[in-house]
């Protein structure tokens, strides 16, 4: 276990057994055994980390997947980074396939931009580089003052479509809302397929009465006309075709289930849902199992073995290959451009 390749050390955090699993896969691809580290929770729920080998002057990579206990996951990563920093590691790269709190990247009412806070905490702890995958918003990279490599899972999902869906030529790529149309367009252009967009998805209306914004001004100010929710419609032809809904995150599945029902009504005979990050929290597996969705395909950026036991429709695509290649290139000082070939500004 103490074997390292030159100055390369790979640590796996302790958030979930699947974190160890993906770390082992990466280590096997690189021919490197995982470094010795002890991460555990004390009786008072404090996280304690003990690095059990020398990292002085070495390039350290810490792999951390996000478990259901997301806050413990974050503390484990921060403490491990700080422990390596105080142990005089030359560089510390965090490999965080799913960046937590990524949905909280915009100001909402009197809330806060939590992903900015988390980025600052990671940099302050001593992180010198971050490898992640399919950030919810690409602008999150600007929250860091260190290099961030935002890898893409789409090549693996595209490969799944081509190899596991025999009649995929009869498919149409679907955006469940106009907001995800750009991602759907990217998939459709690469597969030479058509695109459909579900328009009129119900949105949660904000109330002005609860926070004082309803108080009238002393002068007349022109205001925006309130939005009117149109009836749900499908822009594009899905009749007699396979519908493939694509998105970056699938967590609360209500919108996906509603989209599947709409597509069924419009004649789609098979429905796939594909996403990079399968959080699948709460009753998501049960809702998927009872829905019109035929398969949900996600990557292993987030552990979801428990959800797969509850729903046989969930399938996993392994992305450890691209993570291991990114680690190899960073460690050897090679260009990362090859991993971003054919990726445009809209991807």
C-alpha atoms as a PDB file:
ATOM      1  CA  UNK A   1       0.000   0.000   0.000  1.00  0.00           C
ATOM      2  CA  UNK A   2       2.997   2.282   0.436  1.00  0.00           C
ATOM      3  CA  UNK A   3       4.019   1.928  -3.215  1.00  0.00           C
ATOM      4  CA  UNK A   4       4.103   5.228  -5.089  1.00  0.00           C
ATOM      5  CA  UNK A   5       5.238   6.056  -8.602  1.00  0.00           C
ATOM      6  CA  UNK A   6       7.960   8.647  -8.235  1.00  0.00           C
ATOM      7  CA  UNK A   7       6.446  11.664  -6.529  1.00  0.00           C
ATOM      8  CA  UNK A   8       2.824  10.732  -7.201  1.00  0.00           C
ATOM      9  CA  UNK A   9       0.539   9.920  -4.272  1.00  0.00           C
ATOM     10  CA  UNK A  10      -3.181   9.188  -4.627  1.00  0.00           C
ATOM     11  CA  UNK A  11      -5.416   9.314  -1.575  1.00  0.00           C
ATOM     12  CA  UNK A  12      -9.014   8.226  -1.375  1.00  0.00           C
ATOM     13  CA  UNK A  13     -11.340   9.947   1.048  1.00  0.00           C
ATOM     14  CA  UNK A  14     -13.717   7.990   3.220  1.00  0.00           C
ATOM     15  CA  UNK A  15     -17.106   9.437   2.247  1.00  0.00           C
ATOM     16  CA  UNK A  16     -18.518   6.230   0.764  1.00  0.00           C
ATOM     17  CA  UNK A  17     -17.277   2.729  -0.207  1.00  0.00           C
ATOM     18  CA  UNK A  18     -17.811   3.750  -3.837  1.00  0.00           C
ATOM     19  CA  UNK A  19     -15.228   6.491  -3.347  1.00  0.00           C
ATOM     20  CA  UNK A  20     -12.709   3.775  -2.565  1.00  0.00           C
ATOM     21  CA  UNK A  21     -13.939   1.785  -5.569  1.00  0.00           C
ATOM     22  CA  UNK A  22     -13.453   4.537  -8.138  1.00  0.00           C
ATOM     23  CA  UNK A  23     -10.122   5.432  -6.502  1.00  0.00           C
ATOM     24  CA  UNK A  24      -8.955   1.815  -6.871  1.00  0.00           C
ATOM     25  CA  UNK A  25      -9.938   1.819 -10.530  1.00  0.00           C
ATOM     26  CA  UNK A  26      -7.977   5.010 -11.129  1.00  0.00           C
ATOM     27  CA  UNK A  27      -4.981   3.613  -9.235  1.00  0.00           C
ATOM     28  CA  UNK A  28      -5.057   0.394 -11.256  1.00  0.00           C
ATOM     29  CA  UNK A  29      -5.120   2.301 -14.530  1.00  0.00           C
ATOM     30  CA  UNK A  30      -2.113   4.363 -13.410  1.00  0.00           C
ATOM     31  CA  UNK A  31      -0.253   1.421 -11.851  1.00  0.00           C
ATOM     32  CA  UNK A  32      -0.233   3.166  -8.473  1.00  0.00           C
ATOM     33  CA  UNK A  33      -1.431   1.854  -5.134  1.00  0.00           C
ATOM     34  CA  UNK A  34      -3.531   4.150  -3.002  1.00  0.00           C
ATOM     35  CA  UNK A  35      -1.698   6.072  -0.315  1.00  0.00           C
ATOM     36  CA  UNK A  36      -2.167   5.322   3.348  1.00  0.00           C
ATOM     37  CA  UNK A  37      -4.550   7.657   5.110  1.00  0.00           C
ATOM     38  CA  UNK A  38      -6.954   7.226   7.986  1.00  0.00           C
ATOM     39  CA  UNK A  39     -10.198   9.207   7.880  1.00  0.00           C
ATOM     40  CA  UNK A  40     -12.840   8.645  10.518  1.00  0.00           C
ATOM     41  CA  UNK A  41     -15.585  10.274  12.579  1.00  0.00           C
ATOM     42  CA  UNK A  42     -15.161  10.665  16.309  1.00  0.00           C
ATOM     43  CA  UNK A  43     -18.028  10.113  18.736  1.00  0.00           C
ATOM     44  CA  UNK A  44     -18.853  13.824  18.666  1.00  0.00           C
ATOM     45  CA  UNK A  45     -19.066  13.679  14.812  1.00  0.00           C
ATOM     46  CA  UNK A  46     -15.829  15.588  14.303  1.00  0.00           C
ATOM     47  CA  UNK A  47     -13.777  14.440  11.315  1.00  0.00           C
ATOM     48  CA  UNK A  48     -10.215  13.347  11.974  1.00  0.00           C
ATOM     49  CA  UNK A  49      -7.574  12.736   9.295  1.00  0.00           C
ATOM     50  CA  UNK A  50      -4.164  11.119   9.728  1.00  0.00           C
ATOM     51  CA  UNK A  51      -1.785  10.924   6.747  1.00  0.00           C
ATOM     52  CA  UNK A  52       0.180   7.712   7.318  1.00  0.00           C
ATOM     53  CA  UNK A  53       3.015   8.193   4.828  1.00  0.00           C
ATOM     54  CA  UNK A  54       5.343  10.984   3.801  1.00  0.00           C
ATOM     55  CA  UNK A  55       4.029  13.427   1.199  1.00  0.00           C
ATOM     56  CA  UNK A  56       6.856  15.965   1.526  1.00  0.00           C
ATOM     57  CA  UNK A  57       7.729  17.351  -1.900  1.00  0.00           C
ATOM     58  CA  UNK A  58       5.231  15.050  -3.649  1.00  0.00           C
ATOM     59  CA  UNK A  59       2.286  15.637  -5.970  1.00  0.00           C
ATOM     60  CA  UNK A  60      -0.831  14.578  -4.103  1.00  0.00           C
ATOM     61  CA  UNK A  61      -4.202  13.766  -5.678  1.00  0.00           C
ATOM     62  CA  UNK A  62      -7.194  13.431  -3.346  1.00  0.00           C
ATOM     63  CA  UNK A  63     -10.228  11.657  -4.786  1.00  0.00           C
ATOM     64  CA  UNK A  64     -13.528  12.470  -3.127  1.00  0.00           C
ATOM     65  CA  UNK A  65     -17.005  11.516  -4.315  1.00  0.00           C
ATOM     66  CA  UNK A  66     -20.039  13.162  -2.762  1.00  0.00           C
ATOM     67  CA  UNK A  67     -22.103  10.927  -0.514  1.00  0.00           C
ATOM     68  CA  UNK A  68     -25.567  11.535   0.913  1.00  0.00           C
ATOM     69  CA  UNK A  69     -23.933  13.286   3.880  1.00  0.00           C
ATOM     70  CA  UNK A  70     -22.589  16.071   1.700  1.00  0.00           C
ATOM     71  CA  UNK A  71     -21.328  18.305   4.531  1.00  0.00           C
ATOM     72  CA  UNK A  72     -19.214  15.502   6.036  1.00  0.00           C
ATOM     73  CA  UNK A  73     -17.876  14.871   2.542  1.00  0.00           C
ATOM     74  CA  UNK A  74     -16.771  18.488   2.260  1.00  0.00           C
ATOM     75  CA  UNK A  75     -15.111  18.523   5.679  1.00  0.00           C
ATOM     76  CA  UNK A  76     -13.221  15.310   4.886  1.00  0.00           C
ATOM     77  CA  UNK A  77     -11.847  16.872   1.713  1.00  0.00           C
ATOM     78  CA  UNK A  78     -10.910  20.181   3.352  1.00  0.00           C
ATOM     79  CA  UNK A  79      -9.159  18.510   6.285  1.00  0.00           C
ATOM     80  CA  UNK A  80      -7.286  16.090   4.008  1.00  0.00           C
ATOM     81  CA  UNK A  81      -6.128  18.981   1.813  1.00  0.00           C
ATOM     82  CA  UNK A  82      -4.984  20.978   4.833  1.00  0.00           C
ATOM     83  CA  UNK A  83      -3.217  17.929   6.313  1.00  0.00           C
ATOM     84  CA  UNK A  84      -1.262  17.463   3.079  1.00  0.00           C
ATOM     85  CA  UNK A  85      -0.464  21.165   2.961  1.00  0.00           C
ATOM     86  CA  UNK A  86       0.932  21.170   6.492  1.00  0.00           C
ATOM     87  CA  UNK A  87       2.889  18.006   5.598  1.00  0.00           C
ATOM     88  CA  UNK A  88       4.712  19.987   2.887  1.00  0.00           C
ATOM     89  CA  UNK A  89       3.205  18.367  -0.220  1.00  0.00           C
ATOM     90  CA  UNK A  90       4.481  20.052  -3.388  1.00  0.00           C
ATOM     91  CA  UNK A  91       1.025  20.228  -4.991  1.00  0.00           C
ATOM     92  CA  UNK A  92      -2.452  19.118  -3.943  1.00  0.00           C
ATOM     93  CA  UNK A  93      -5.031  18.334  -6.607  1.00  0.00           C
ATOM     94  CA  UNK A  94      -8.611  17.602  -5.664  1.00  0.00           C
ATOM     95  CA  UNK A  95     -10.427  15.092  -7.861  1.00  0.00           C
ATOM     96  CA  UNK A  96     -14.086  15.863  -7.169  1.00  0.00           C
ATOM     97  CA  UNK A  97     -16.198  14.415 -10.008  1.00  0.00           C
ATOM     98  CA  UNK A  98     -19.361  16.101  -8.730  1.00  0.00           C
ATOM     99  CA  UNK A  99     -18.854  19.552  -7.240  1.00  0.00           C
ATOM    100  CA  UNK A 100     -21.271  19.873  -4.297  1.00  0.00           C
ATOM    101  CA  UNK A 101     -23.544  22.893  -3.887  1.00  0.00           C
ATOM    102  CA  UNK A 102     -23.143  23.576  -7.609  1.00  0.00           C
ATOM    103  CA  UNK A 103     -26.850  24.399  -7.944  1.00  0.00           C
ATOM    104  CA  UNK A 104     -26.377  27.241  -5.461  1.00  0.00           C
ATOM    105  CA  UNK A 105     -24.256  29.291  -7.842  1.00  0.00           C
ATOM    106  CA  UNK A 106     -26.614  32.247  -8.286  1.00  0.00           C
ATOM    107  CA  UNK A 107     -28.044  34.792  -5.901  1.00  0.00           C
ATOM    108  CA  UNK A 108     -31.635  34.025  -4.922  1.00  0.00           C
ATOM    109  CA  UNK A 109     -33.473  36.682  -2.960  1.00  0.00           C
ATOM    110  CA  UNK A 110     -31.510  37.114   0.295  1.00  0.00           C
ATOM    111  CA  UNK A 111     -29.659  33.828  -0.049  1.00  0.00           C
ATOM    112  CA  UNK A 112     -25.992  33.340  -0.847  1.00  0.00           C
ATOM    113  CA  UNK A 113     -23.776  31.906  -3.565  1.00  0.00           C
ATOM    114  CA  UNK A 114     -22.672  28.836  -1.643  1.00  0.00           C
ATOM    115  CA  UNK A 115     -20.544  27.378  -4.428  1.00  0.00           C
ATOM    116  CA  UNK A 116     -18.402  30.536  -4.288  1.00  0.00           C
ATOM    117  CA  UNK A 117     -17.992  30.052  -0.538  1.00  0.00           C
ATOM    118  CA  UNK A 118     -16.994  26.411  -1.046  1.00  0.00           C
ATOM    119  CA  UNK A 119     -14.488  27.354  -3.739  1.00  0.00           C
ATOM    120  CA  UNK A 120     -12.889  29.885  -1.384  1.00  0.00           C
ATOM    121  CA  UNK A 121     -12.705  27.295   1.400  1.00  0.00           C
ATOM    122  CA  UNK A 122     -10.983  24.768  -0.874  1.00  0.00           C
ATOM    123  CA  UNK A 123      -8.405  27.315  -2.016  1.00  0.00           C
ATOM    124  CA  UNK A 124      -7.810  28.518   1.546  1.00  0.00           C
ATOM    125  CA  UNK A 125      -7.287  24.925   2.745  1.00  0.00           C
ATOM    126  CA  UNK A 126      -4.425  24.549   0.295  1.00  0.00           C
ATOM    127  CA  UNK A 127      -5.831  23.080  -2.914  1.00  0.00           C
ATOM    128  CA  UNK A 128      -3.645  23.962  -5.898  1.00  0.00           C
ATOM    129  CA  UNK A 129      -5.679  22.350  -8.697  1.00  0.00           C
ATOM    130  CA  UNK A 130      -9.183  20.943  -9.141  1.00  0.00           C
ATOM    131  CA  UNK A 131     -10.407  18.209 -11.464  1.00  0.00           C
ATOM    132  CA  UNK A 132     -14.171  18.005 -11.721  1.00  0.00           C
ATOM    133  CA  UNK A 133     -16.789  17.003 -14.275  1.00  0.00           C
ATOM    134  CA  UNK A 134     -19.739  18.758 -15.895  1.00  0.00           C
ATOM    135  CA  UNK A 135     -20.164  21.696 -13.543  1.00  0.00           C
ATOM    136  CA  UNK A 136     -23.798  22.749 -13.292  1.00  0.00           C
ATOM    137  CA  UNK A 137     -22.721  26.166 -14.532  1.00  0.00           C
ATOM    138  CA  UNK A 138     -19.353  26.617 -16.238  1.00  0.00           C
ATOM    139  CA  UNK A 139     -19.011  30.033 -14.621  1.00  0.00           C
ATOM    140  CA  UNK A 140     -18.291  28.262 -11.315  1.00  0.00           C
ATOM    141  CA  UNK A 141     -14.704  27.917 -12.555  1.00  0.00           C
ATOM    142  CA  UNK A 142     -14.371  31.668 -12.049  1.00  0.00           C
ATOM    143  CA  UNK A 143     -15.021  31.260  -8.326  1.00  0.00           C
ATOM    144  CA  UNK A 144     -11.585  29.650  -7.930  1.00  0.00           C
ATOM    145  CA  UNK A 145      -8.212  31.342  -8.016  1.00  0.00           C
ATOM    146  CA  UNK A 146      -6.534  28.029  -8.949  1.00  0.00           C
ATOM    147  CA  UNK A 147      -6.646  26.019 -12.219  1.00  0.00           C
ATOM    148  CA  UNK A 148      -9.897  24.068 -12.719  1.00  0.00           C
ATOM    149  CA  UNK A 149     -10.282  21.308 -15.301  1.00  0.00           C
ATOM    150  CA  UNK A 150     -13.982  20.794 -16.004  1.00  0.00           C
ATOM    151  CA  UNK A 151     -14.021  17.434 -17.800  1.00  0.00           C
ATOM    152  CA  UNK A 152     -16.985  16.189 -19.850  1.00  0.00           C
ATOM    153  CA  UNK A 153     -18.874  12.927 -19.475  1.00  0.00           C
ATOM    154  CA  UNK A 154     -20.723  13.311 -22.790  1.00  0.00           C
ATOM    155  CA  UNK A 155     -18.277  11.099 -24.789  1.00  0.00           C
ATOM    156  CA  UNK A 156     -19.098   8.177 -22.466  1.00  0.00           C
ATOM    157  CA  UNK A 157     -22.846   8.811 -22.681  1.00  0.00           C
ATOM    158  CA  UNK A 158     -22.673   9.144 -26.461  1.00  0.00           C
ATOM    159  CA  UNK A 159     -20.773   5.872 -26.624  1.00  0.00           C
ATOM    160  CA  UNK A 160     -23.483   4.226 -24.523  1.00  0.00           C
ATOM    161  CA  UNK A 161     -26.170   5.438 -26.917  1.00  0.00           C
ATOM    162  CA  UNK A 162     -24.296   4.102 -29.937  1.00  0.00           C
ATOM    163  CA  UNK A 163     -23.429   0.737 -28.410  1.00  0.00           C
ATOM    164  CA  UNK A 164     -26.367  -0.073 -26.110  1.00  0.00           C
ATOM    165  CA  UNK A 165     -29.335   1.316 -28.057  1.00  0.00           C
ATOM    166  CA  UNK A 166     -29.421  -0.757 -31.279  1.00  0.00           C
ATOM    167  CA  UNK A 167     -31.978   1.417 -33.094  1.00  0.00           C
ATOM    168  CA  UNK A 168     -30.669   4.745 -31.832  1.00  0.00           C
ATOM    169  CA  UNK A 169     -30.870   6.126 -35.388  1.00  0.00           C
ATOM    170  CA  UNK A 170     -34.615   6.263 -34.797  1.00  0.00           C
ATOM    171  CA  UNK A 171     -34.123   8.388 -31.690  1.00  0.00           C
ATOM    172  CA  UNK A 172     -34.641  12.056 -30.952  1.00  0.00           C
ATOM    173  CA  UNK A 173     -32.724  14.005 -28.300  1.00  0.00           C
ATOM    174  CA  UNK A 174     -35.061  15.775 -25.904  1.00  0.00           C
ATOM    175  CA  UNK A 175     -34.559  18.822 -23.678  1.00  0.00           C
ATOM    176  CA  UNK A 176     -37.060  18.701 -20.814  1.00  0.00           C
ATOM    177  CA  UNK A 177     -37.036  22.495 -20.693  1.00  0.00           C
ATOM    178  CA  UNK A 178     -35.698  25.316 -22.890  1.00  0.00           C
ATOM    179  CA  UNK A 179     -32.898  25.808 -20.356  1.00  0.00           C
ATOM    180  CA  UNK A 180     -31.357  22.438 -21.276  1.00  0.00           C
ATOM    181  CA  UNK A 181     -31.815  22.849 -25.038  1.00  0.00           C
ATOM    182  CA  UNK A 182     -28.162  23.700 -25.575  1.00  0.00           C
ATOM    183  CA  UNK A 183     -26.995  20.387 -24.104  1.00  0.00           C
ATOM    184  CA  UNK A 184     -29.595  18.499 -26.140  1.00  0.00           C
ATOM    185  CA  UNK A 185     -28.462  20.277 -29.292  1.00  0.00           C
ATOM    186  CA  UNK A 186     -24.862  19.239 -28.605  1.00  0.00           C
ATOM    187  CA  UNK A 187     -25.866  15.574 -28.293  1.00  0.00           C
ATOM    188  CA  UNK A 188     -28.104  15.729 -31.368  1.00  0.00           C
ATOM    189  CA  UNK A 189     -25.436  17.273 -33.592  1.00  0.00           C
ATOM    190  CA  UNK A 190     -22.861  14.673 -32.598  1.00  0.00           C
ATOM    191  CA  UNK A 191     -25.238  11.768 -33.188  1.00  0.00           C
ATOM    192  CA  UNK A 192     -26.775  13.340 -36.325  1.00  0.00           C
ATOM    193  CA  UNK A 193     -30.224  13.122 -34.747  1.00  0.00           C
ATOM    194  CA  UNK A 194     -33.205  15.421 -34.400  1.00  0.00           C
ATOM    195  CA  UNK A 195     -34.036  17.471 -31.339  1.00  0.00           C
ATOM    196  CA  UNK A 196     -37.244  18.140 -29.414  1.00  0.00           C
ATOM    197  CA  UNK A 197     -37.888  20.605 -26.598  1.00  0.00           C
ATOM    198  CA  UNK A 198     -40.596  20.400 -23.959  1.00  0.00           C
ATOM    199  CA  UNK A 199     -41.909  23.908 -23.448  1.00  0.00           C
ATOM    200  CA  UNK A 200     -44.178  25.118 -20.666  1.00  0.00           C
ATOM    201  CA  UNK A 201     -42.651  23.311 -17.722  1.00  0.00           C
ATOM    202  CA  UNK A 202     -44.195  24.622 -14.494  1.00  0.00           C
ATOM    203  CA  UNK A 203     -41.942  27.001 -12.598  1.00  0.00           C
ATOM    204  CA  UNK A 204     -42.111  27.907  -8.924  1.00  0.00           C
ATOM    205  CA  UNK A 205     -43.309  31.483  -8.671  1.00  0.00           C
ATOM    206  CA  UNK A 206     -41.560  33.814  -6.268  1.00  0.00           C
ATOM    207  CA  UNK A 207     -43.690  35.642  -3.741  1.00  0.00           C
ATOM    208  CA  UNK A 208     -43.049  39.325  -3.269  1.00  0.00           C
ATOM    209  CA  UNK A 209     -45.151  39.477  -0.132  1.00  0.00           C
ATOM    210  CA  UNK A 210     -42.874  37.438   2.091  1.00  0.00           C
ATOM    211  CA  UNK A 211     -39.750  39.567   1.886  1.00  0.00           C
ATOM    212  CA  UNK A 212     -40.918  43.170   1.571  1.00  0.00           C
ATOM    213  CA  UNK A 213     -40.375  43.631  -2.154  1.00  0.00           C
ATOM    214  CA  UNK A 214     -44.097  44.309  -2.583  1.00  0.00           C
ATOM    215  CA  UNK A 215     -43.785  47.684  -0.847  1.00  0.00           C
ATOM    216  CA  UNK A 216     -44.586  50.348  -3.492  1.00  0.00           C
ATOM    217  CA  UNK A 217     -41.973  52.982  -4.419  1.00  0.00           C
ATOM    218  CA  UNK A 218     -42.527  56.711  -3.928  1.00  0.00           C
ATOM    219  CA  UNK A 219     -42.138  57.323  -7.691  1.00  0.00           C
ATOM    220  CA  UNK A 220     -43.592  55.449 -10.649  1.00  0.00           C
ATOM    221  CA  UNK A 221     -41.132  52.848 -11.928  1.00  0.00           C
ATOM    222  CA  UNK A 222     -41.833  50.646 -14.987  1.00  0.00           C
ATOM    223  CA  UNK A 223     -42.003  46.975 -13.988  1.00  0.00           C
ATOM    224  CA  UNK A 224     -41.711  43.749 -15.921  1.00  0.00           C
ATOM    225  CA  UNK A 225     -44.938  42.119 -17.035  1.00  0.00           C
ATOM    226  CA  UNK A 226     -45.522  38.905 -15.038  1.00  0.00           C
ATOM    227  CA  UNK A 227     -44.779  35.695 -16.913  1.00  0.00           C
ATOM    228  CA  UNK A 228     -47.718  33.555 -17.932  1.00  0.00           C
ATOM    229  CA  UNK A 229     -47.123  29.826 -17.894  1.00  0.00           C
ATOM    230  CA  UNK A 230     -47.999  28.375 -21.289  1.00  0.00           C
ATOM    231  CA  UNK A 231     -49.507  24.896 -21.580  1.00  0.00           C
ATOM    232  CA  UNK A 232     -46.941  22.108 -21.843  1.00  0.00           C
ATOM    233  CA  UNK A 233     -46.130  21.372 -25.472  1.00  0.00           C
ATOM    234  CA  UNK A 234     -43.462  19.407 -27.333  1.00  0.00           C
ATOM    235  CA  UNK A 235     -41.603  21.349 -30.001  1.00  0.00           C
ATOM    236  CA  UNK A 236     -40.412  18.651 -32.407  1.00  0.00           C
ATOM    237  CA  UNK A 237     -41.613  15.254 -33.615  1.00  0.00           C
ATOM    238  CA  UNK A 238     -41.291  12.318 -31.212  1.00  0.00           C
ATOM    239  CA  UNK A 239     -44.080  10.122 -32.581  1.00  0.00           C
ATOM    240  CA  UNK A 240     -42.971   6.503 -33.091  1.00  0.00           C
ATOM    241  CA  UNK A 241     -39.410   7.292 -31.980  1.00  0.00           C
ATOM    242  CA  UNK A 242     -37.052   6.727 -29.073  1.00  0.00           C
ATOM    243  CA  UNK A 243     -36.871   9.791 -26.825  1.00  0.00           C
ATOM    244  CA  UNK A 244     -33.551  10.421 -25.059  1.00  0.00           C
ATOM    245  CA  UNK A 245     -33.786  13.126 -22.388  1.00  0.00           C
ATOM    246  CA  UNK A 246     -30.373  14.592 -21.545  1.00  0.00           C
ATOM    247  CA  UNK A 247     -29.351  16.754 -18.595  1.00  0.00           C
ATOM    248  CA  UNK A 248     -26.367  17.271 -16.299  1.00  0.00           C
ATOM    249  CA  UNK A 249     -27.997  16.332 -12.958  1.00  0.00           C
ATOM    250  CA  UNK A 250     -30.886  14.070 -12.063  1.00  0.00           C
ATOM    251  CA  UNK A 251     -31.926  14.523  -8.457  1.00  0.00           C
ATOM    252  CA  UNK A 252     -35.586  15.322  -7.909  1.00  0.00           C
ATOM    253  CA  UNK A 253     -37.113  13.216 -10.700  1.00  0.00           C
ATOM    254  CA  UNK A 254     -40.591  14.773 -10.752  1.00  0.00           C
ATOM    255  CA  UNK A 255     -39.779  16.891 -13.801  1.00  0.00           C
ATOM    256  CA  UNK A 256     -38.288  13.892 -15.632  1.00  0.00           C
ATOM    257  CA  UNK A 257     -41.332  11.733 -14.848  1.00  0.00           C
ATOM    258  CA  UNK A 258     -43.657  14.497 -16.079  1.00  0.00           C
ATOM    259  CA  UNK A 259     -41.564  14.889 -19.238  1.00  0.00           C
ATOM    260  CA  UNK A 260     -41.751  11.134 -19.871  1.00  0.00           C
ATOM    261  CA  UNK A 261     -45.535  11.200 -19.544  1.00  0.00           C
ATOM    262  CA  UNK A 262     -45.744  14.082 -22.012  1.00  0.00           C
ATOM    263  CA  UNK A 263     -43.494  12.276 -24.497  1.00  0.00           C
ATOM    264  CA  UNK A 264     -45.593   9.113 -24.205  1.00  0.00           C
ATOM    265  CA  UNK A 265     -48.728  11.098 -24.989  1.00  0.00           C
ATOM    266  CA  UNK A 266     -47.010  12.452 -28.088  1.00  0.00           C
ATOM    267  CA  UNK A 267     -46.163   8.958 -29.351  1.00  0.00           C
ATOM    268  CA  UNK A 268     -42.642   8.151 -28.105  1.00  0.00           C
ATOM    269  CA  UNK A 269     -42.389   4.374 -27.676  1.00  0.00           C
ATOM    270  CA  UNK A 270     -39.232   4.244 -25.578  1.00  0.00           C
ATOM    271  CA  UNK A 271     -37.822   6.821 -23.170  1.00  0.00           C
ATOM    272  CA  UNK A 272     -34.262   7.086 -21.852  1.00  0.00           C
ATOM    273  CA  UNK A 273     -32.949   9.620 -19.365  1.00  0.00           C
ATOM    274  CA  UNK A 274     -29.210  10.335 -19.461  1.00  0.00           C
ATOM    275  CA  UNK A 275     -27.311  12.532 -17.038  1.00  0.00           C
ATOM    276  CA  UNK A 276     -23.777  12.916 -15.739  1.00  0.00           C
ATOM    277  CA  UNK A 277     -24.589  13.115 -12.037  1.00  0.00           C
ATOM    278  CA  UNK A 278     -27.168  10.734 -10.598  1.00  0.00           C
ATOM    279  CA  UNK A 279     -27.960  12.105  -7.147  1.00  0.00           C
ATOM    280  CA  UNK A 280     -31.348  10.336  -7.132  1.00  0.00           C
ATOM    281  CA  UNK A 281     -32.304  11.452  -3.648  1.00  0.00           C
ATOM    282  CA  UNK A 282     -35.439  10.771  -1.630  1.00  0.00           C
ATOM    283  CA  UNK A 283     -38.032   8.608  -3.460  1.00  0.00           C
ATOM    284  CA  UNK A 284     -36.390   8.973  -6.867  1.00  0.00           C
ATOM    285  CA  UNK A 285     -35.806   5.211  -7.465  1.00  0.00           C
ATOM    286  CA  UNK A 286     -39.424   4.365  -6.645  1.00  0.00           C
ATOM    287  CA  UNK A 287     -40.783   7.156  -8.858  1.00  0.00           C
ATOM    288  CA  UNK A 288     -38.563   6.053 -11.740  1.00  0.00           C
ATOM    289  CA  UNK A 289     -39.630   2.432 -11.353  1.00  0.00           C
ATOM    290  CA  UNK A 290     -43.311   3.402 -11.533  1.00  0.00           C
ATOM    291  CA  UNK A 291     -42.892   5.912 -14.373  1.00  0.00           C
ATOM    292  CA  UNK A 292     -42.943   5.681 -18.166  1.00  0.00           C
ATOM    293  CA  UNK A 293     -39.147   5.953 -18.218  1.00  0.00           C
ATOM    294  CA  UNK A 294     -37.508   2.804 -19.600  1.00  0.00           C
ATOM    295  CA  UNK A 295     -33.923   3.439 -18.476  1.00  0.00           C
ATOM    296  CA  UNK A 296     -31.958   6.012 -16.511  1.00  0.00           C
ATOM    297  CA  UNK A 297     -28.269   6.124 -17.437  1.00  0.00           C
ATOM    298  CA  UNK A 298     -25.864   8.026 -15.176  1.00  0.00           C
ATOM    299  CA  UNK A 299     -22.130   7.975 -14.540  1.00  0.00           C
ATOM    300  CA  UNK A 300     -20.365   6.957 -11.333  1.00  0.00           C
ATOM    301  CA  UNK A 301     -19.416  10.519 -10.343  1.00  0.00           C
ATOM    302  CA  UNK A 302     -21.789   9.979  -7.401  1.00  0.00           C
ATOM    303  CA  UNK A 303     -22.331   6.631  -5.610  1.00  0.00           C
ATOM    304  CA  UNK A 304     -25.813   5.245  -6.215  1.00  0.00           C
ATOM    305  CA  UNK A 305     -25.569   1.498  -5.546  1.00  0.00           C
ATOM    306  CA  UNK A 306     -28.364   1.717  -2.991  1.00  0.00           C
ATOM    307  CA  UNK A 307     -30.668   3.341  -5.537  1.00  0.00           C
ATOM    308  CA  UNK A 308     -29.867   0.649  -8.108  1.00  0.00           C
ATOM    309  CA  UNK A 309     -31.054  -2.000  -5.686  1.00  0.00           C
ATOM    310  CA  UNK A 310     -34.405  -0.236  -5.504  1.00  0.00           C
ATOM    311  CA  UNK A 311     -34.793   0.331  -9.244  1.00  0.00           C
ATOM    312  CA  UNK A 312     -33.580  -1.998 -11.997  1.00  0.00           C
ATOM    313  CA  UNK A 313     -33.981   0.769 -14.588  1.00  0.00           C
ATOM    314  CA  UNK A 314     -30.865   2.628 -13.345  1.00  0.00           C
ATOM    315  CA  UNK A 315     -27.624   1.856 -15.183  1.00  0.00           C
ATOM    316  CA  UNK A 316     -24.115   3.178 -14.614  1.00  0.00           C
ATOM    317  CA  UNK A 317     -21.376   4.304 -17.007  1.00  0.00           C
ATOM    318  CA  UNK A 318     -17.822   4.274 -15.645  1.00  0.00           C
ATOM    319  CA  UNK A 319     -15.821   7.490 -16.144  1.00  0.00           C
ATOM    320  CA  UNK A 320     -12.683   6.510 -14.195  1.00  0.00           C
ATOM    321  CA  UNK A 321     -10.773   6.307 -17.506  1.00  0.00           C
ATOM    322  CA  UNK A 322     -10.869  10.049 -18.184  1.00  0.00           C
ATOM    323  CA  UNK A 323     -10.139  10.894 -14.533  1.00  0.00           C
ATOM    324  CA  UNK A 324      -7.041   8.686 -14.522  1.00  0.00           C
ATOM    325  CA  UNK A 325      -5.861  10.194 -17.810  1.00  0.00           C
ATOM    326  CA  UNK A 326      -6.325  13.700 -16.410  1.00  0.00           C
ATOM    327  CA  UNK A 327      -4.271  12.787 -13.330  1.00  0.00           C
ATOM    328  CA  UNK A 328      -1.525  11.272 -15.508  1.00  0.00           C
ATOM    329  CA  UNK A 329      -1.310  14.349 -17.723  1.00  0.00           C
ATOM    330  CA  UNK A 330      -1.246  16.805 -14.823  1.00  0.00           C
ATOM    331  CA  UNK A 331       1.407  14.800 -12.985  1.00  0.00           C
ATOM    332  CA  UNK A 332       3.596  14.526 -16.104  1.00  0.00           C
ATOM    333  CA  UNK A 333       3.089  18.173 -17.023  1.00  0.00           C
ATOM    334  CA  UNK A 334       1.381  17.290 -20.308  1.00  0.00           C
ATOM    335  CA  UNK A 335      -1.238  19.352 -22.081  1.00  0.00           C
ATOM    336  CA  UNK A 336      -4.873  18.741 -21.177  1.00  0.00           C
ATOM    337  CA  UNK A 337      -6.098  19.943 -24.579  1.00  0.00           C
ATOM    338  CA  UNK A 338      -6.616  16.422 -25.941  1.00  0.00           C
ATOM    339  CA  UNK A 339      -9.307  15.778 -23.329  1.00  0.00           C
ATOM    340  CA  UNK A 340     -11.197  18.859 -24.538  1.00  0.00           C
ATOM    341  CA  UNK A 341     -11.097  18.182 -28.282  1.00  0.00           C
ATOM    342  CA  UNK A 342     -14.219  19.178 -30.217  1.00  0.00           C
ATOM    343  CA  UNK A 343     -15.721  20.848 -27.124  1.00  0.00           C
ATOM    344  CA  UNK A 344     -17.209  24.207 -28.021  1.00  0.00           C
ATOM    345  CA  UNK A 345     -18.367  27.123 -25.924  1.00  0.00           C
ATOM    346  CA  UNK A 346     -21.915  25.741 -25.935  1.00  0.00           C
ATOM    347  CA  UNK A 347     -20.886  22.333 -24.485  1.00  0.00           C
END
